[in-house]
């Protein structure tokens, strides 16, 4: 988990430097701020592995379901009986 956080943080920092070089000051500063806050953001939404892989996969699926919007059925999407 630490290696993943470090890779994401360094990638965002490089992207920030590139956007600053290209003259996009606001975007560069915003990306740098996100880069500094990356460990906190990832710690909040990533699940730390403990137990078996099946439990980790179930916890990840549960978190994804909690973050995605729910549809009330296919009728709201135009399907179903008319």
N, C-alpha and C. Protein backbone atom coordinates (compact mmCIF):
# COMPACT_ATOMS: atom_id res chain seq x y z
N UNK A 1 0.83 -1.19 0.00
CA UNK A 1 0.00 0.00 0.00
C UNK A 1 0.87 1.25 0.00
N UNK A 2 1.98 1.22 0.71
CA UNK A 2 2.86 2.37 0.76
C UNK A 2 3.49 2.63 -0.61
N UNK A 3 3.88 1.57 -1.30
CA UNK A 3 4.48 1.72 -2.62
C UNK A 3 3.47 2.31 -3.61
N UNK A 4 2.23 1.84 -3.54
CA UNK A 4 1.19 2.36 -4.43
C UNK A 4 0.96 3.85 -4.17
N UNK A 5 0.88 4.23 -2.91
CA UNK A 5 0.69 5.64 -2.56
C UNK A 5 1.85 6.48 -3.06
N UNK A 6 3.06 5.97 -2.92
CA UNK A 6 4.24 6.70 -3.38
C UNK A 6 4.24 6.88 -4.89
N UNK A 7 3.86 5.84 -5.62
CA UNK A 7 3.82 5.93 -7.08
C UNK A 7 2.77 6.95 -7.52
N UNK A 8 1.61 6.91 -6.91
CA UNK A 8 0.55 7.87 -7.27
C UNK A 8 1.00 9.29 -6.94
N UNK A 9 1.62 9.47 -5.79
CA UNK A 9 2.06 10.80 -5.37
C UNK A 9 3.14 11.35 -6.30
N UNK A 10 4.10 10.53 -6.66
CA UNK A 10 5.16 10.99 -7.57
C UNK A 10 4.63 11.26 -8.97
N UNK A 11 3.69 10.46 -9.42
CA UNK A 11 3.09 10.70 -10.73
C UNK A 11 2.34 12.03 -10.75
N UNK A 12 1.58 12.30 -9.71
CA UNK A 12 0.86 13.57 -9.64
C UNK A 12 1.82 14.76 -9.53
N UNK A 13 2.91 14.58 -8.81
CA UNK A 13 3.89 15.65 -8.69
C UNK A 13 4.55 15.93 -10.04
N UNK A 14 4.88 14.89 -10.80
CA UNK A 14 5.43 15.09 -12.14
C UNK A 14 4.43 15.77 -13.06
N UNK A 15 3.17 15.38 -12.96
CA UNK A 15 2.13 16.02 -13.76
C UNK A 15 1.98 17.49 -13.38
N UNK A 16 2.11 17.78 -12.10
CA UNK A 16 2.04 19.17 -11.65
C UNK A 16 3.17 20.01 -12.23
N UNK A 17 4.37 19.44 -12.22
CA UNK A 17 5.52 20.18 -12.78
C UNK A 17 5.33 20.41 -14.27
N UNK A 18 4.84 19.40 -14.99
CA UNK A 18 4.61 19.56 -16.42
C UNK A 18 3.57 20.63 -16.72
N UNK A 19 2.50 20.66 -15.94
CA UNK A 19 1.47 21.68 -16.18
C UNK A 19 1.98 23.08 -15.84
N UNK A 20 2.85 23.18 -14.83
CA UNK A 20 3.44 24.48 -14.52
C UNK A 20 4.38 24.94 -15.64
N UNK A 21 5.13 24.02 -16.20
CA UNK A 21 6.03 24.37 -17.30
C UNK A 21 5.24 24.82 -18.53
N UNK A 22 4.09 24.20 -18.75
CA UNK A 22 3.26 24.56 -19.91
C UNK A 22 2.47 25.84 -19.69
N UNK A 23 2.59 26.46 -18.53
CA UNK A 23 1.96 27.75 -18.30
C UNK A 23 0.60 27.70 -17.65
N UNK A 24 0.17 26.56 -17.19
CA UNK A 24 -1.14 26.45 -16.53
C UNK A 24 -0.91 26.49 -15.01
N UNK A 25 -0.78 27.68 -14.49
CA UNK A 25 -0.42 27.88 -13.09
C UNK A 25 -1.46 27.32 -12.12
N UNK A 26 -2.72 27.59 -12.37
CA UNK A 26 -3.78 27.17 -11.46
C UNK A 26 -3.89 25.64 -11.42
N UNK A 27 -3.86 25.01 -12.61
CA UNK A 27 -3.93 23.55 -12.65
C UNK A 27 -2.72 22.91 -11.99
N UNK A 28 -1.55 23.49 -12.21
CA UNK A 28 -0.34 22.95 -11.60
C UNK A 28 -0.38 22.99 -10.08
N UNK A 29 -0.86 24.10 -9.53
CA UNK A 29 -0.97 24.23 -8.08
C UNK A 29 -2.02 23.28 -7.54
N UNK A 30 -3.15 23.14 -8.25
CA UNK A 30 -4.22 22.24 -7.80
C UNK A 30 -3.73 20.79 -7.79
N UNK A 31 -3.01 20.39 -8.81
CA UNK A 31 -2.50 19.02 -8.86
C UNK A 31 -1.46 18.80 -7.77
N UNK A 32 -0.64 19.81 -7.48
CA UNK A 32 0.35 19.69 -6.41
C UNK A 32 -0.33 19.52 -5.05
N UNK A 33 -1.43 20.23 -4.83
CA UNK A 33 -2.16 20.10 -3.57
C UNK A 33 -2.75 18.70 -3.44
N UNK A 34 -3.32 18.19 -4.53
CA UNK A 34 -3.86 16.83 -4.50
C UNK A 34 -2.74 15.83 -4.26
N UNK A 35 -1.58 16.08 -4.85
CA UNK A 35 -0.43 15.20 -4.65
C UNK A 35 -0.01 15.13 -3.19
N UNK A 36 -0.01 16.25 -2.52
CA UNK A 36 0.37 16.27 -1.10
C UNK A 36 -0.68 15.56 -0.25
N UNK A 37 -1.95 15.66 -0.63
CA UNK A 37 -3.03 15.05 0.14
C UNK A 37 -3.34 13.62 -0.26
N UNK A 38 -2.60 13.06 -1.21
CA UNK A 38 -2.87 11.71 -1.70
C UNK A 38 -2.86 10.64 -0.61
N UNK A 39 -1.89 10.60 0.30
CA UNK A 39 -1.94 9.55 1.32
C UNK A 39 -3.21 9.57 2.17
N UNK A 40 -3.67 10.75 2.51
CA UNK A 40 -4.89 10.86 3.30
C UNK A 40 -6.11 10.39 2.50
N UNK A 41 -6.17 10.77 1.22
CA UNK A 41 -7.30 10.38 0.38
C UNK A 41 -7.32 8.88 0.18
N UNK A 42 -6.16 8.29 -0.13
CA UNK A 42 -6.11 6.85 -0.36
C UNK A 42 -6.37 6.07 0.92
N UNK A 43 -5.91 6.56 2.05
CA UNK A 43 -6.16 5.87 3.31
C UNK A 43 -7.64 5.85 3.65
N UNK A 44 -8.36 6.86 3.21
CA UNK A 44 -9.79 6.92 3.51
C UNK A 44 -10.59 5.93 2.68
N UNK A 45 -10.21 5.74 1.39
CA UNK A 45 -11.03 4.94 0.49
C UNK A 45 -10.47 3.57 0.17
N UNK A 46 -9.20 3.31 0.48
CA UNK A 46 -8.66 1.98 0.22
C UNK A 46 -8.84 1.09 1.45
N UNK A 47 -9.05 -0.16 1.19
CA UNK A 47 -9.24 -1.11 2.27
C UNK A 47 -7.90 -1.78 2.56
N UNK A 48 -7.48 -1.74 3.79
CA UNK A 48 -6.24 -2.38 4.18
C UNK A 48 -6.44 -3.89 4.22
N UNK A 49 -5.56 -4.64 3.56
CA UNK A 49 -5.76 -6.08 3.52
C UNK A 49 -5.51 -6.75 4.86
N UNK A 50 -6.48 -7.46 5.33
CA UNK A 50 -6.32 -8.29 6.51
C UNK A 50 -7.25 -9.49 6.32
N UNK A 51 -6.80 -10.64 6.70
CA UNK A 51 -7.58 -11.85 6.48
C UNK A 51 -7.30 -12.41 5.11
N UNK A 52 -8.27 -13.14 4.58
CA UNK A 52 -8.06 -13.82 3.30
C UNK A 52 -8.36 -12.89 2.13
N UNK A 53 -7.99 -13.36 0.95
CA UNK A 53 -8.23 -12.58 -0.27
C UNK A 53 -9.73 -12.49 -0.55
N UNK A 54 -10.47 -13.52 -0.22
CA UNK A 54 -11.93 -13.52 -0.44
C UNK A 54 -12.59 -12.43 0.40
N UNK A 55 -12.16 -12.27 1.64
CA UNK A 55 -12.71 -11.21 2.48
C UNK A 55 -12.35 -9.84 1.93
N UNK A 56 -11.12 -9.67 1.45
CA UNK A 56 -10.70 -8.39 0.88
C UNK A 56 -11.51 -8.07 -0.36
N UNK A 57 -11.74 -9.09 -1.22
CA UNK A 57 -12.53 -8.87 -2.43
C UNK A 57 -13.97 -8.50 -2.07
N UNK A 58 -14.53 -9.15 -1.06
CA UNK A 58 -15.89 -8.81 -0.64
C UNK A 58 -15.98 -7.41 -0.08
N UNK A 59 -15.00 -7.01 0.71
CA UNK A 59 -14.99 -5.65 1.25
C UNK A 59 -14.84 -4.61 0.15
N UNK A 60 -14.00 -4.90 -0.84
CA UNK A 60 -13.82 -3.97 -1.96
C UNK A 60 -15.11 -3.84 -2.75
N UNK A 61 -15.77 -4.96 -3.04
CA UNK A 61 -17.03 -4.92 -3.77
C UNK A 61 -18.10 -4.15 -2.99
N UNK A 62 -18.13 -4.34 -1.70
CA UNK A 62 -19.10 -3.63 -0.86
C UNK A 62 -18.84 -2.12 -0.89
N UNK A 63 -17.57 -1.73 -0.87
CA UNK A 63 -17.24 -0.31 -0.92
C UNK A 63 -17.60 0.30 -2.27
N UNK A 64 -17.36 -0.44 -3.34
CA UNK A 64 -17.70 0.06 -4.67
C UNK A 64 -19.21 0.23 -4.80
N UNK A 65 -19.97 -0.74 -4.29
CA UNK A 65 -21.43 -0.62 -4.32
C UNK A 65 -21.91 0.58 -3.52
N UNK A 66 -21.24 0.90 -2.42
CA UNK A 66 -21.64 2.03 -1.60
C UNK A 66 -21.33 3.36 -2.29
N UNK A 67 -20.30 3.38 -3.14
CA UNK A 67 -19.91 4.62 -3.79
C UNK A 67 -20.64 4.88 -5.10
N UNK A 68 -21.18 3.84 -5.74
CA UNK A 68 -21.86 4.02 -7.02
C UNK A 68 -23.33 4.35 -6.81
N UNK A 69 -23.88 5.15 -7.71
CA UNK A 69 -25.31 5.49 -7.58
C UNK A 69 -26.18 4.28 -7.91
N UNK A 70 -27.33 4.24 -7.30
CA UNK A 70 -28.25 3.12 -7.51
C UNK A 70 -29.38 3.57 -8.44
N UNK A 71 -29.79 2.64 -9.31
CA UNK A 71 -30.91 2.90 -10.20
C UNK A 71 -32.16 2.25 -9.60
N UNK A 72 -33.31 2.86 -9.86
CA UNK A 72 -34.54 2.31 -9.32
C UNK A 72 -35.14 1.25 -10.22
N UNK A 73 -34.42 0.81 -11.20
CA UNK A 73 -34.90 -0.24 -12.10
C UNK A 73 -34.75 0.19 -13.53
N UNK A 74 -35.14 -0.72 -14.42
CA UNK A 74 -35.00 -0.43 -15.83
C UNK A 74 -36.10 0.47 -16.37
N UNK A 75 -37.17 0.61 -15.65
CA UNK A 75 -38.25 1.49 -16.12
C UNK A 75 -37.80 2.94 -16.20
N UNK A 76 -36.92 3.35 -15.30
CA UNK A 76 -36.45 4.74 -15.34
C UNK A 76 -35.49 4.94 -16.49
N UNK A 77 -34.93 3.85 -17.04
CA UNK A 77 -34.01 3.97 -18.17
C UNK A 77 -34.71 3.78 -19.50
N UNK A 78 -36.03 3.59 -19.49
CA UNK A 78 -36.77 3.47 -20.74
C UNK A 78 -37.13 2.05 -21.09
N UNK A 79 -36.72 1.07 -20.29
CA UNK A 79 -37.04 -0.33 -20.58
C UNK A 79 -38.28 -0.77 -19.85
N UNK A 80 -38.61 -2.02 -19.97
CA UNK A 80 -39.75 -2.56 -19.24
C UNK A 80 -41.06 -2.42 -20.00
N UNK A 81 -42.19 -2.69 -19.33
CA UNK A 81 -43.51 -2.62 -19.96
C UNK A 81 -43.92 -1.18 -20.15
N UNK A 82 -44.75 -1.00 -21.17
CA UNK A 82 -45.26 0.35 -21.44
C UNK A 82 -46.75 0.37 -21.25
